[in-house]
Amino acid sequence: MNIAINHENEVIRKIRDALESDVMLDFEIQGTLGVYDLVLKITAKSDDDLRHVLLEKIKPIDNIQSAITMMVI
């Protein structure tokens, strides 16, 4: 993900808040240096669950400028 300048910690906190209560998935989040500002790894029970998380919980978060989604099977 690319995050608006000086909003990295805020976005990490909002993602944690959005995902911690969801017992149907596991996640890891890490700030990075370089081309991307943040890496988020989500393990969900199904593709539909993952889609729901991305569209309903992650996409609405302010200050995420861009994201690349890579699904691993």
Protein backbone atom coordinates (compact mmCIF):
# COMPACT_ATOMS: atom_id res chain seq x y z
CA MET A 1 0.00 0.00 0.00
CA ASN A 2 0.97 3.60 -0.52
CA ILE A 3 -0.11 5.86 2.31
CA ALA A 4 -0.40 9.66 2.42
CA ILE A 5 2.71 11.24 3.93
CA ASN A 6 2.74 11.30 7.74
CA HIS A 7 -0.39 9.11 7.99
CA GLU A 8 1.27 5.69 8.19
CA ASN A 9 0.72 5.14 11.92
CA GLU A 10 -2.88 6.33 11.69
CA VAL A 11 -3.64 3.92 8.83
CA ILE A 12 -1.95 1.01 10.63
CA ARG A 13 -4.07 1.74 13.73
CA LYS A 14 -7.28 1.94 11.69
CA ILE A 15 -6.52 -1.35 9.91
CA ARG A 16 -5.78 -3.08 13.23
CA ASP A 17 -9.00 -1.70 14.72
CA ALA A 18 -10.99 -2.90 11.69
CA LEU A 19 -9.50 -6.41 11.60
CA GLU A 20 -8.72 -7.41 15.20
CA SER A 21 -12.32 -8.25 16.06
CA ASP A 22 -12.79 -10.53 13.04
CA VAL A 23 -12.15 -14.08 14.28
CA MET A 24 -12.57 -15.49 10.76
CA LEU A 25 -9.20 -14.17 9.57
CA ASP A 26 -5.59 -13.70 10.54
CA PHE A 27 -3.50 -10.73 9.52
CA GLU A 28 -0.01 -9.26 9.71
CA ILE A 29 0.76 -5.61 9.08
CA GLN A 30 4.17 -4.00 8.67
CA GLY A 31 5.40 -0.54 7.73
CA THR A 32 8.12 -0.59 5.08
CA LEU A 33 10.67 1.68 3.43
CA GLY A 34 10.94 1.97 -0.33
CA VAL A 35 8.33 1.81 -3.07
CA TYR A 36 5.52 0.79 -0.70
CA ASP A 37 4.73 2.18 2.73
CA LEU A 38 2.82 -0.73 4.20
CA VAL A 39 2.41 -4.47 3.66
CA LEU A 40 -0.75 -6.18 4.90
CA LYS A 41 -1.08 -9.95 4.77
CA ILE A 42 -4.59 -11.31 5.34
CA THR A 43 -5.46 -14.99 5.65
CA ALA A 44 -9.19 -15.59 5.20
CA LYS A 45 -11.34 -18.73 5.10
CA SER A 46 -12.57 -18.03 1.56
CA ASP A 47 -12.20 -15.70 -1.39
CA ASP A 48 -15.58 -14.18 -0.52
CA ASP A 49 -14.45 -13.44 3.04
CA LEU A 50 -11.30 -11.80 1.72
CA ARG A 51 -13.26 -9.74 -0.80
CA HIS A 52 -15.60 -8.58 1.96
CA VAL A 53 -12.69 -7.52 4.17
CA LEU A 54 -11.00 -5.60 1.36
CA LEU A 55 -14.11 -3.83 0.12
CA GLU A 56 -15.93 -3.21 3.39
CA LYS A 57 -13.14 -2.77 5.95
CA ILE A 58 -9.94 -1.70 4.18
CA LYS A 59 -11.04 0.33 1.16
CA PRO A 60 -13.03 2.92 3.20
CA ILE A 61 -9.96 3.84 5.31
CA ASP A 62 -8.81 7.38 4.57
CA ASN A 63 -5.25 8.17 3.46
CA ILE A 64 -4.64 4.89 1.61
CA GLN A 65 -3.57 6.29 -1.75
CA SER A 66 -3.13 3.00 -3.59
CA ALA A 67 -3.01 -0.72 -2.97
CA ILE A 68 -2.01 -3.76 -4.95
CA THR A 69 -3.82 -6.97 -4.07
CA MET A 70 -2.14 -10.31 -4.73
CA MET A 71 -4.18 -13.41 -3.94
CA VAL A 72 -2.15 -16.51 -3.14
CA ILE A 73 -3.75 -19.94 -3.41
